Amino acid sequence: MAYVTCDIGISVDGYSAGPNQSQTEPLGEGGEQLHRWMFEEPELHTAERDAIVDAGAFIMGRNMFGPIRGEWSGDWRGWWGEEPPYHGPVFVLTHHERAPLEMEGGTTFHFVTKGVAAAFELAKESAGGRNISIAGGADTVRQFLNFGLIDELRLHIAPVVLGTGERVFEGVHDLRLEQLGVTSSTLVTHVRYRVLR
């Protein structure tokens, strides 16, 4: 059985993105504060950064892939430039079909219109025995938690209050966690949990 991890940055009030996501504000207004630790203290968080992309396949929601809503239009290729950090197959949950998008460095985005279970099966087939990572955003994480498909939840908690936006745990039911470890710096507290079934 595949081991499924999930890394997500959140504010202390539980938001993984601010309001009004757009092409100029990928994480919504104020959301970039959640990830300052990656860029301002990279030497302190090498293990956590490496763990985020240490998987054989990834699953993300359409909002995480980009700001476009409705039918696909234009040539949007994601937030990450021509070489995204995943270096493997990424399955994007969407309601609108799109051909696979091959990027540099081995990342290929596959657009899945048949829901969470279909994306999960595709990721299992593609992972090659390695972990599957649920990359976000909040709605995708909630769905996978509610389906009982995440084994390890890694929260990266920034000392920021967003007040509004996308809440990770809103609507999550019967979630039981066992803490596995904690590390911290001035910009983030990393907490690892085993999700109990």
N, C-alpha and C. Protein backbone atom coordinates (compact mmCIF):
# COMPACT_ATOMS: atom_id res chain seq x y z
N MET A 1 0.85 -1.19 0.00
CA MET A 1 0.00 0.00 0.00
C MET A 1 0.88 1.24 0.00
N ALA A 2 0.55 2.23 -0.78
CA ALA A 2 1.32 3.46 -0.86
C ALA A 2 1.22 4.23 0.45
N TYR A 3 2.33 4.85 0.84
CA TYR A 3 2.34 5.73 2.00
C TYR A 3 2.08 7.14 1.50
N VAL A 4 1.09 7.80 2.10
CA VAL A 4 0.63 9.09 1.58
C VAL A 4 0.96 10.19 2.59
N THR A 5 1.71 11.17 2.11
CA THR A 5 2.07 12.31 2.94
C THR A 5 1.36 13.56 2.44
N CYS A 6 1.30 14.54 3.32
CA CYS A 6 0.74 15.84 2.93
C CYS A 6 1.50 16.93 3.68
N ASP A 7 2.09 17.86 2.94
CA ASP A 7 2.73 19.04 3.51
C ASP A 7 1.89 20.25 3.16
N ILE A 8 1.58 21.07 4.15
CA ILE A 8 0.84 22.28 3.85
C ILE A 8 1.21 23.38 4.86
N GLY A 9 1.45 24.57 4.31
CA GLY A 9 1.73 25.72 5.14
C GLY A 9 0.43 26.37 5.59
N ILE A 10 0.37 26.73 6.89
CA ILE A 10 -0.84 27.37 7.41
C ILE A 10 -0.46 28.51 8.34
N SER A 11 -1.41 29.41 8.52
CA SER A 11 -1.29 30.47 9.52
C SER A 11 -1.68 29.91 10.87
N VAL A 12 -1.42 30.65 11.94
CA VAL A 12 -1.80 30.15 13.26
C VAL A 12 -3.32 30.07 13.42
N ASP A 13 -4.07 30.78 12.58
CA ASP A 13 -5.53 30.66 12.63
C ASP A 13 -6.07 29.70 11.57
N GLY A 14 -5.19 28.87 11.00
CA GLY A 14 -5.63 27.73 10.20
C GLY A 14 -5.87 27.95 8.73
N TYR A 15 -5.38 29.06 8.17
CA TYR A 15 -5.57 29.33 6.74
C TYR A 15 -4.32 28.94 5.94
N SER A 16 -4.55 28.30 4.80
CA SER A 16 -3.42 27.94 3.93
C SER A 16 -3.27 28.90 2.76
N ALA A 17 -4.20 29.83 2.62
CA ALA A 17 -4.13 30.87 1.59
C ALA A 17 -5.00 32.03 2.03
N GLY A 18 -4.63 33.22 1.60
CA GLY A 18 -5.44 34.39 1.87
C GLY A 18 -6.55 34.52 0.84
N PRO A 19 -7.37 35.55 0.94
CA PRO A 19 -8.46 35.74 0.00
C PRO A 19 -7.98 36.27 -1.34
N ASN A 20 -8.82 36.15 -2.35
CA ASN A 20 -8.61 36.77 -3.67
C ASN A 20 -7.35 36.28 -4.38
N GLN A 21 -7.24 34.97 -4.52
CA GLN A 21 -6.14 34.41 -5.30
C GLN A 21 -6.18 34.96 -6.71
N SER A 22 -5.02 35.30 -7.25
CA SER A 22 -4.93 35.81 -8.61
C SER A 22 -3.55 35.48 -9.16
N GLN A 23 -3.33 35.81 -10.42
CA GLN A 23 -2.03 35.54 -11.02
C GLN A 23 -0.92 36.31 -10.33
N THR A 24 -1.23 37.48 -9.81
CA THR A 24 -0.22 38.27 -9.09
C THR A 24 -0.15 37.93 -7.61
N GLU A 25 -1.18 37.27 -7.08
CA GLU A 25 -1.22 36.84 -5.68
C GLU A 25 -1.56 35.35 -5.63
N PRO A 26 -0.59 34.46 -5.97
CA PRO A 26 -0.88 33.03 -6.08
C PRO A 26 -1.45 32.40 -4.82
N LEU A 27 -1.06 32.93 -3.65
CA LEU A 27 -1.55 32.39 -2.39
C LEU A 27 -2.60 33.30 -1.76
N GLY A 28 -3.20 34.16 -2.57
CA GLY A 28 -4.16 35.11 -2.05
C GLY A 28 -3.46 36.25 -1.31
N GLU A 29 -4.23 37.23 -0.92
CA GLU A 29 -3.66 38.40 -0.25
C GLU A 29 -3.06 38.01 1.10
N GLY A 30 -1.78 38.25 1.26
CA GLY A 30 -1.07 37.93 2.51
C GLY A 30 -0.56 36.51 2.59
N GLY A 31 -0.96 35.65 1.66
CA GLY A 31 -0.60 34.23 1.75
C GLY A 31 0.88 33.94 1.59
N GLU A 32 1.61 34.82 0.90
CA GLU A 32 3.05 34.57 0.71
C GLU A 32 3.81 34.55 2.04
N GLN A 33 3.24 35.17 3.08
CA GLN A 33 3.89 35.18 4.40
C GLN A 33 4.03 33.76 4.98
N LEU A 34 3.18 32.85 4.53
CA LEU A 34 3.21 31.48 5.05
C LEU A 34 4.48 30.74 4.66
N HIS A 35 5.14 31.18 3.60
CA HIS A 35 6.29 30.44 3.07
C HIS A 35 7.59 31.22 3.14
N ARG A 36 7.63 32.27 3.96
CA ARG A 36 8.87 33.04 4.10
C ARG A 36 10.03 32.16 4.52
N TRP A 37 9.78 31.16 5.37
CA TRP A 37 10.84 30.30 5.88
C TRP A 37 11.61 29.61 4.77
N MET A 38 10.94 29.28 3.66
CA MET A 38 11.60 28.58 2.56
C MET A 38 12.65 29.45 1.89
N PHE A 39 12.41 30.75 1.87
CA PHE A 39 13.26 31.66 1.11
C PHE A 39 14.19 32.49 1.98
N GLU A 40 13.77 32.77 3.22
CA GLU A 40 14.58 33.61 4.09
C GLU A 40 15.45 32.81 5.05
N GLU A 41 15.10 31.56 5.31
CA GLU A 41 15.89 30.70 6.20
C GLU A 41 16.15 29.33 5.57
N PRO A 42 16.50 29.26 4.29
CA PRO A 42 16.57 27.95 3.63
C PRO A 42 17.54 26.98 4.29
N GLU A 43 18.65 27.50 4.83
CA GLU A 43 19.65 26.61 5.42
C GLU A 43 19.15 25.95 6.70
N LEU A 44 18.12 26.52 7.34
CA LEU A 44 17.59 25.95 8.58
C LEU A 44 16.56 24.86 8.33
N HIS A 45 16.08 24.75 7.10
CA HIS A 45 14.92 23.88 6.84
C HIS A 45 15.17 22.94 5.66
N THR A 46 16.41 22.53 5.46
CA THR A 46 16.74 21.67 4.32
C THR A 46 15.94 20.37 4.37
N ALA A 47 15.88 19.73 5.53
CA ALA A 47 15.18 18.44 5.64
C ALA A 47 13.70 18.58 5.30
N GLU A 48 13.08 19.64 5.78
CA GLU A 48 11.64 19.84 5.52
C GLU A 48 11.39 20.14 4.05
N ARG A 49 12.23 20.97 3.47
CA ARG A 49 12.06 21.29 2.04
C ARG A 49 12.26 20.04 1.18
N ASP A 50 13.26 19.24 1.50
CA ASP A 50 13.50 18.02 0.74
C ASP A 50 12.32 17.04 0.88
N ALA A 51 11.77 16.95 2.09
CA ALA A 51 10.67 16.01 2.33
C ALA A 51 9.43 16.38 1.53
N ILE A 52 9.21 17.66 1.29
CA ILE A 52 8.01 18.11 0.57
C ILE A 52 7.97 17.52 -0.84
N VAL A 53 9.11 17.41 -1.49
CA VAL A 53 9.14 16.92 -2.87
C VAL A 53 9.68 15.49 -2.99
N ASP A 54 9.81 14.79 -1.86
CA ASP A 54 10.30 13.41 -1.87
C ASP A 54 9.13 12.45 -2.02
N ALA A 55 8.65 12.30 -3.25
CA ALA A 55 7.53 11.39 -3.53
C ALA A 55 7.64 10.91 -4.97
N GLY A 56 6.98 9.80 -5.22
CA GLY A 56 6.98 9.26 -6.57
C GLY A 56 5.87 9.83 -7.44
N ALA A 57 4.85 10.42 -6.81
CA ALA A 57 3.74 11.05 -7.52
C ALA A 57 3.08 12.06 -6.59
N PHE A 58 2.44 13.06 -7.19
CA PHE A 58 1.84 14.15 -6.45
C PHE A 58 0.40 14.36 -6.91
N ILE A 59 -0.44 14.84 -5.99
CA ILE A 59 -1.81 15.19 -6.33
C ILE A 59 -2.06 16.60 -5.81
N MET A 60 -2.65 17.44 -6.65
CA MET A 60 -3.00 18.79 -6.22
C MET A 60 -4.34 19.19 -6.82
N GLY A 61 -4.93 20.21 -6.24
CA GLY A 61 -6.16 20.77 -6.77
C GLY A 61 -5.88 21.79 -7.85
N ARG A 62 -6.91 22.09 -8.59
CA ARG A 62 -6.76 23.05 -9.68
C ARG A 62 -6.36 24.43 -9.19
N ASN A 63 -6.88 24.87 -8.03
CA ASN A 63 -6.51 26.18 -7.51
C ASN A 63 -5.02 26.26 -7.20
N MET A 64 -4.42 25.14 -6.79
CA MET A 64 -2.98 25.17 -6.53
C MET A 64 -2.21 25.25 -7.83
N PHE A 65 -2.72 24.65 -8.88
CA PHE A 65 -2.04 24.70 -10.17
C PHE A 65 -2.10 26.09 -10.79
N GLY A 66 -3.20 26.81 -10.59
CA GLY A 66 -3.29 28.13 -11.20
C GLY A 66 -4.57 28.87 -10.89
N PRO A 67 -4.64 30.15 -11.28
CA PRO A 67 -5.78 31.00 -10.95
C PRO A 67 -6.94 30.90 -11.93
N ILE A 68 -6.81 30.12 -12.98
CA ILE A 68 -7.82 30.08 -14.03
C ILE A 68 -9.02 29.26 -13.55
N ARG A 69 -10.22 29.78 -13.74
CA ARG A 69 -11.45 29.07 -13.36
C ARG A 69 -12.24 28.75 -14.62
N GLY A 70 -13.08 27.74 -14.54
CA GLY A 70 -13.88 27.36 -15.70
C GLY A 70 -13.03 26.62 -16.72
N GLU A 71 -13.44 26.71 -17.98
CA GLU A 71 -12.70 26.05 -19.06
C GLU A 71 -11.27 26.58 -19.13
N TRP A 72 -10.34 25.70 -19.52
CA TRP A 72 -8.95 26.12 -19.68
C TRP A 72 -8.86 27.13 -20.82
N SER A 73 -8.10 28.17 -20.61
CA SER A 73 -7.89 29.16 -21.66
C SER A 73 -6.44 29.62 -21.60
N GLY A 74 -5.94 30.05 -22.74
CA GLY A 74 -4.55 30.50 -22.78
C GLY A 74 -3.59 29.33 -22.62
N ASP A 75 -2.39 29.63 -22.21
CA ASP A 75 -1.34 28.62 -22.12
C ASP A 75 -0.75 28.58 -20.71
N TRP A 76 -1.62 28.62 -19.69
CA TRP A 76 -1.14 28.60 -18.30
C TRP A 76 -0.37 27.32 -18.03
N ARG A 77 0.85 27.45 -17.45
CA ARG A 77 1.73 26.32 -17.23
C ARG A 77 2.12 26.14 -15.76
N GLY A 78 1.33 26.73 -14.86
CA GLY A 78 1.62 26.60 -13.44
C GLY A 78 2.42 27.78 -12.91
N TRP A 79 2.57 27.81 -11.58
CA TRP A 79 3.24 28.91 -10.90
C TRP A 79 4.75 28.80 -10.90
N TRP A 80 5.31 27.65 -11.25
CA TRP A 80 6.68 27.31 -10.89
C TRP A 80 7.71 27.55 -11.97
N GLY A 81 7.34 28.13 -13.10
CA GLY A 81 8.30 28.29 -14.19
C GLY A 81 8.41 27.01 -15.00
N GLU A 82 9.40 26.95 -15.86
CA GLU A 82 9.52 25.81 -16.78
C GLU A 82 10.04 24.54 -16.12
N GLU A 83 10.63 24.65 -14.93
CA GLU A 83 11.08 23.44 -14.22
C GLU A 83 10.49 23.41 -12.82
N PRO A 84 9.27 22.88 -12.68
CA PRO A 84 8.64 22.78 -11.36
C PRO A 84 9.45 21.86 -10.45
N PRO A 85 9.27 21.97 -9.13
CA PRO A 85 10.10 21.22 -8.19
C PRO A 85 9.73 19.75 -8.04
N TYR A 86 8.71 19.27 -8.74
CA TYR A 86 8.18 17.93 -8.46
C TYR A 86 9.00 16.81 -9.11
N HIS A 87 9.47 17.01 -10.30
CA HIS A 87 10.31 16.02 -11.00
C HIS A 87 9.65 14.64 -11.06
N GLY A 88 8.37 14.63 -11.34
CA GLY A 88 7.62 13.39 -11.45
C GLY A 88 6.21 13.70 -11.89
N PRO A 89 5.33 12.70 -11.90
CA PRO A 89 3.94 12.93 -12.32
C PRO A 89 3.14 13.68 -11.26
N VAL A 90 2.38 14.67 -11.70
CA VAL A 90 1.50 15.45 -10.82
C VAL A 90 0.09 15.34 -11.38
N PHE A 91 -0.84 14.91 -10.55
CA PHE A 91 -2.23 14.72 -10.97
C PHE A 91 -3.06 15.88 -10.42
N VAL A 92 -3.60 16.68 -11.32
CA VAL A 92 -4.34 17.90 -10.96
C VAL A 92 -5.84 17.61 -11.04
N LEU A 93 -6.53 17.77 -9.92
CA LEU A 93 -7.98 17.57 -9.89
C LEU A 93 -8.67 18.76 -10.54
N THR A 94 -9.53 18.49 -11.50
CA THR A 94 -10.21 19.55 -12.23
C THR A 94 -11.53 19.01 -12.79
N HIS A 95 -12.41 19.90 -13.17
CA HIS A 95 -13.66 19.51 -13.83
C HIS A 95 -13.56 19.67 -15.35
N HIS A 96 -12.41 20.13 -15.84
CA HIS A 96 -12.27 20.46 -17.25
C HIS A 96 -11.07 19.73 -17.85
N GLU A 97 -11.31 18.99 -18.92
CA GLU A 97 -10.25 18.20 -19.53
C GLU A 97 -9.15 19.08 -20.13
N ARG A 98 -7.95 18.55 -20.08
CA ARG A 98 -6.80 19.21 -20.68
C ARG A 98 -5.76 18.15 -20.95
N ALA A 99 -5.02 18.28 -22.04
CA ALA A 99 -3.97 17.32 -22.37
C ALA A 99 -2.84 17.42 -21.34
N PRO A 100 -2.11 16.31 -21.09
CA PRO A 100 -0.98 16.37 -20.17
C PRO A 100 0.02 17.45 -20.58
N LEU A 101 0.65 18.03 -19.59
CA LEU A 101 1.59 19.13 -19.80
C LEU A 101 2.97 18.69 -19.31
N GLU A 102 3.88 18.45 -20.24
CA GLU A 102 5.24 18.04 -19.90
C GLU A 102 6.10 19.27 -19.68
N MET A 103 6.86 19.25 -18.57
CA MET A 103 7.73 20.37 -18.22
C MET A 103 9.17 19.86 -18.14
N GLU A 104 10.09 20.78 -17.96
CA GLU A 104 11.49 20.40 -17.80
C GLU A 104 11.69 19.73 -16.45
N GLY A 105 12.74 18.90 -16.35
CA GLY A 105 13.09 18.27 -15.09
C GLY A 105 12.26 17.05 -14.74
N GLY A 106 11.43 16.57 -15.67
CA GLY A 106 10.69 15.34 -15.43
C GLY A 106 9.29 15.51 -14.86
N THR A 107 8.83 16.74 -14.66
CA THR A 107 7.46 16.95 -14.17
C THR A 107 6.49 16.90 -15.34
N THR A 108 5.43 16.10 -15.18
CA THR A 108 4.32 16.13 -16.13
C THR A 108 3.03 16.30 -15.34
N PHE A 109 2.26 17.34 -15.69
CA PHE A 109 0.96 17.57 -15.07
C PHE A 109 -0.09 16.81 -15.87
N HIS A 110 -0.86 15.96 -15.16
CA HIS A 110 -1.96 15.21 -15.75
C HIS A 110 -3.25 15.76 -15.14
N PHE A 111 -4.24 16.05 -15.95
CA PHE A 111 -5.45 16.69 -15.49
C PHE A 111 -6.56 15.65 -15.37
N VAL A 112 -7.03 15.43 -14.12
CA VAL A 112 -7.94 14.33 -13.79
C VAL A 112 -9.33 14.90 -13.54
N THR A 113 -10.30 14.44 -14.32
CA THR A 113 -11.67 14.96 -14.20
C THR A 113 -12.61 14.00 -13.47
N LYS A 114 -12.11 12.84 -13.03
CA LYS A 114 -13.00 11.83 -12.44
C LYS A 114 -12.90 11.75 -10.93
N GLY A 115 -12.32 12.78 -10.29
CA GLY A 115 -12.37 12.87 -8.84
C GLY A 115 -11.18 12.31 -8.10
N VAL A 116 -11.31 12.38 -6.77
CA VAL A 116 -10.23 12.03 -5.84
C VAL A 116 -9.81 10.57 -6.00
N ALA A 117 -10.77 9.64 -6.04
CA ALA A 117 -10.43 8.22 -6.12
C ALA A 117 -9.66 7.91 -7.40
N ALA A 118 -10.07 8.49 -8.51
CA ALA A 118 -9.37 8.26 -9.78
C ALA A 118 -7.95 8.82 -9.73
N ALA A 119 -7.79 10.03 -9.20
CA ALA A 119 -6.46 10.63 -9.08
C ALA A 119 -5.57 9.78 -8.19
N PHE A 120 -6.14 9.27 -7.10
CA PHE A 120 -5.36 8.44 -6.18
C PHE A 120 -4.89 7.15 -6.85
N GLU A 121 -5.77 6.51 -7.60
CA GLU A 121 -5.37 5.28 -8.29
C GLU A 121 -4.28 5.55 -9.33
N LEU A 122 -4.39 6.64 -10.07
CA LEU A 122 -3.37 7.00 -11.04
C LEU A 122 -2.04 7.28 -10.36
N ALA A 123 -2.09 7.97 -9.23
CA ALA A 123 -0.86 8.28 -8.50
C ALA A 123 -0.21 6.99 -7.98
N LYS A 124 -1.01 6.06 -7.45
CA LYS A 124 -0.47 4.78 -6.97
C LYS A 124 0.24 4.04 -8.09
N GLU A 125 -0.39 4.01 -9.27
CA GLU A 125 0.22 3.31 -10.41
C GLU A 125 1.52 3.97 -10.85
N SER A 126 1.61 5.27 -10.70
CA SER A 126 2.76 6.02 -11.20
C SER A 126 3.89 6.19 -10.20
N ALA A 127 3.62 5.97 -8.92
CA ALA A 127 4.60 6.29 -7.87
C ALA A 127 5.78 5.34 -7.83
N GLY A 128 5.66 4.17 -8.46
CA GLY A 128 6.79 3.25 -8.48
C GLY A 128 7.21 2.76 -7.11
N GLY A 129 6.24 2.58 -6.21
CA GLY A 129 6.56 2.09 -4.87
C GLY A 129 6.98 3.19 -3.90
N ARG A 130 7.14 4.41 -4.38
CA ARG A 130 7.50 5.52 -3.51
C ARG A 130 6.24 6.15 -2.92
N ASN A 131 6.44 7.12 -2.03
CA ASN A 131 5.32 7.83 -1.41
C ASN A 131 4.49 8.58 -2.44
N ILE A 132 3.25 8.85 -2.07
CA ILE A 132 2.39 9.78 -2.80
C ILE A 132 2.27 11.02 -1.93
N SER A 133 2.37 12.18 -2.52
CA SER A 133 2.24 13.44 -1.78
C SER A 133 0.98 14.18 -2.21
N ILE A 134 0.17 14.55 -1.21
CA ILE A 134 -0.97 15.43 -1.47
C ILE A 134 -0.45 16.85 -1.29
N ALA A 135 -0.30 17.55 -2.41
CA ALA A 135 0.42 18.82 -2.41
C ALA A 135 -0.46 20.02 -2.03
N GLY A 136 -1.78 19.88 -2.02
CA GLY A 136 -2.65 21.00 -1.69
C GLY A 136 -3.54 21.33 -2.86
N GLY A 137 -4.30 22.37 -2.75
CA GLY A 137 -4.50 23.29 -1.65
C GLY A 137 -5.47 22.74 -0.61
N ALA A 138 -6.07 23.68 0.13
CA ALA A 138 -6.87 23.33 1.29
C ALA A 138 -8.01 22.37 0.96
N ASP A 139 -8.76 22.63 -0.09
CA ASP A 139 -9.90 21.78 -0.42
C ASP A 139 -9.45 20.36 -0.75
N THR A 140 -8.37 20.23 -1.48
CA THR A 140 -7.84 18.90 -1.82
C THR A 140 -7.40 18.16 -0.57
N VAL A 141 -6.70 18.85 0.33
CA VAL A 141 -6.27 18.23 1.59
C VAL A 141 -7.48 17.78 2.39
N ARG A 142 -8.50 18.63 2.49
CA ARG A 142 -9.73 18.25 3.22
C ARG A 142 -10.35 16.98 2.64
N GLN A 143 -10.45 16.91 1.32
CA GLN A 143 -11.06 15.73 0.70
C GLN A 143 -10.27 14.47 1.03
N PHE A 144 -8.95 14.54 0.94
CA PHE A 144 -8.14 13.35 1.21
C PHE A 144 -8.18 12.97 2.68
N LEU A 145 -8.23 13.95 3.59
CA LEU A 145 -8.40 13.63 5.01
C LEU A 145 -9.74 12.98 5.26
N ASN A 146 -10.81 13.51 4.68
CA ASN A 146 -12.14 12.94 4.90
C ASN A 146 -12.30 11.55 4.31
N PHE A 147 -11.56 11.25 3.24
CA PHE A 147 -11.58 9.90 2.67
C PHE A 147 -10.63 8.96 3.40
N GLY A 148 -9.88 9.46 4.37
CA GLY A 148 -8.95 8.62 5.13
C GLY A 148 -7.75 8.16 4.31
N LEU A 149 -7.29 9.01 3.39
CA LEU A 149 -6.23 8.60 2.47
C LEU A 149 -4.87 9.23 2.76
N ILE A 150 -4.74 9.94 3.88
CA ILE A 150 -3.44 10.52 4.24
C ILE A 150 -2.89 9.78 5.45
N ASP A 151 -1.64 9.35 5.35
CA ASP A 151 -0.97 8.65 6.46
C ASP A 151 -0.21 9.61 7.36
N GLU A 152 0.45 10.60 6.76
CA GLU A 152 1.27 11.54 7.55
C GLU A 152 0.98 12.97 7.11
N LEU A 153 0.58 13.79 8.07
CA LEU A 153 0.25 15.19 7.83
C LEU A 153 1.37 16.04 8.42
N ARG A 154 1.96 16.91 7.58
CA ARG A 154 3.05 17.77 8.03
C ARG A 154 2.59 19.22 7.89
N LEU A 155 2.36 19.86 9.01
CA LEU A 155 1.93 21.25 9.01
C LEU A 155 3.14 22.16 9.19
N HIS A 156 3.21 23.21 8.38
CA HIS A 156 4.28 24.21 8.47
C HIS A 156 3.57 25.50 8.90
N ILE A 157 3.61 25.78 10.21
CA ILE A 157 2.77 26.82 10.80
C ILE A 157 3.58 28.12 10.92
N ALA A 158 3.14 29.12 10.19
CA ALA A 158 3.80 30.43 10.21
C ALA A 158 3.18 31.30 11.31
N PRO A 159 3.99 32.13 11.99
CA PRO A 159 3.46 33.00 13.04
C PRO A 159 2.75 34.21 12.43
N VAL A 160 1.67 33.93 11.72
CA VAL A 160 0.91 34.92 10.97
C VAL A 160 -0.57 34.66 11.21
N VAL A 161 -1.36 35.72 11.35
CA VAL A 161 -2.82 35.61 11.41
C VAL A 161 -3.37 36.21 10.12
N LEU A 162 -3.99 35.37 9.28
CA LEU A 162 -4.56 35.87 8.03
C LEU A 162 -5.99 36.36 8.19
N GLY A 163 -6.76 35.74 9.09
CA GLY A 163 -8.11 36.22 9.37
C GLY A 163 -9.18 35.77 8.40
N THR A 164 -8.78 35.47 7.18
CA THR A 164 -9.74 35.03 6.16
C THR A 164 -8.96 34.33 5.05
N GLY A 165 -9.69 33.61 4.20
CA GLY A 165 -9.04 32.89 3.12
C GLY A 165 -9.52 31.45 3.06
N GLU A 166 -8.60 30.53 2.78
CA GLU A 166 -8.91 29.10 2.67
C GLU A 166 -8.47 28.37 3.93
N ARG A 167 -9.44 27.87 4.70
CA ARG A 167 -9.14 27.13 5.93
C ARG A 167 -8.95 25.66 5.62
N VAL A 168 -7.90 25.08 6.18
CA VAL A 168 -7.58 23.68 5.89
C VAL A 168 -8.56 22.72 6.55
N PHE A 169 -8.89 22.92 7.82
CA PHE A 169 -9.63 21.90 8.56
C PHE A 169 -11.13 22.15 8.63
N GLU A 170 -11.62 23.18 7.99
CA GLU A 170 -13.06 23.45 8.00
C GLU A 170 -13.78 22.33 7.25
N GLY A 171 -14.68 21.64 7.93
CA GLY A 171 -15.41 20.54 7.30
C GLY A 171 -14.71 19.20 7.40
N VAL A 172 -13.56 19.14 8.06
CA VAL A 172 -12.89 17.85 8.28
C VAL A 172 -13.51 17.22 9.51
N HIS A 173 -13.89 15.94 9.40
CA HIS A 173 -14.56 15.28 10.51
C HIS A 173 -13.75 14.09 11.01
N ASP A 174 -13.90 13.79 12.30
CA ASP A 174 -13.31 12.60 12.92
C ASP A 174 -11.81 12.48 12.67
N LEU A 175 -11.08 13.57 12.76
CA LEU A 175 -9.64 13.53 12.53
C LEU A 175 -8.92 13.29 13.85
N ARG A 176 -8.17 12.20 13.91
CA ARG A 176 -7.36 11.89 15.09
C ARG A 176 -5.90 11.85 14.66
N LEU A 177 -5.05 12.54 15.42
CA LEU A 177 -3.64 12.67 15.06
C LEU A 177 -2.74 12.24 16.20
N GLU A 178 -1.59 11.67 15.86
CA GLU A 178 -0.54 11.36 16.82
C GLU A 178 0.69 12.15 16.42
N GLN A 179 1.18 13.00 17.31
CA GLN A 179 2.34 13.84 16.98
C GLN A 179 3.60 12.99 16.87
N LEU A 180 4.35 13.20 15.79
CA LEU A 180 5.58 12.46 15.54
C LEU A 180 6.83 13.30 15.77
N GLY A 181 6.72 14.62 15.64
CA GLY A 181 7.90 15.45 15.83
C GLY A 181 7.61 16.91 15.58
N VAL A 182 8.47 17.77 16.16
CA VAL A 182 8.34 19.22 16.02
C VAL A 182 9.72 19.82 15.89
N THR A 183 9.89 20.74 14.92
CA THR A 183 11.07 21.58 14.83
C THR A 183 10.59 22.99 14.55
N SER A 184 11.42 23.99 14.88
CA SER A 184 10.95 25.36 14.68
C SER A 184 12.10 26.34 14.49
N SER A 185 11.73 27.51 13.99
CA SER A 185 12.62 28.66 13.89
C SER A 185 11.75 29.89 14.15
N THR A 186 12.30 31.06 13.91
CA THR A 186 11.50 32.26 14.15
C THR A 186 10.36 32.41 13.15
N LEU A 187 10.46 31.79 11.95
CA LEU A 187 9.48 31.99 10.90
C LEU A 187 8.49 30.85 10.72
N VAL A 188 8.73 29.70 11.38
CA VAL A 188 7.85 28.55 11.15
C VAL A 188 8.02 27.52 12.25
N THR A 189 6.94 26.78 12.51
CA THR A 189 7.00 25.58 13.35
C THR A 189 6.52 24.43 12.49
N HIS A 190 7.38 23.42 12.32
CA HIS A 190 7.03 22.23 11.55
C HIS A 190 6.52 21.17 12.52
N VAL A 191 5.31 20.68 12.30
CA VAL A 191 4.74 19.64 13.15
C VAL A 191 4.35 18.46 12.27
N ARG A 192 4.87 17.27 12.60
CA ARG A 192 4.54 16.04 11.87
C ARG A 192 3.56 15.23 12.69
N TYR A 193 2.50 14.77 12.01
CA TYR A 193 1.48 13.94 12.66
C TYR A 193 1.26 12.66 11.88
N ARG A 194 1.03 11.58 12.58
CA ARG A 194 0.48 10.38 11.98
C ARG A 194 -1.04 10.52 12.04
N VAL A 195 -1.71 10.24 10.92
CA VAL A 195 -3.17 10.28 10.92
C VAL A 195 -3.66 8.90 11.34
N LEU A 196 -4.42 8.87 12.44
CA LEU A 196 -4.91 7.61 12.99
C LEU A 196 -6.23 7.26 12.34
N ARG A 197 -6.41 5.96 12.09
CA ARG A 197 -7.65 5.51 11.46
C ARG A 197 -8.51 4.77 12.47
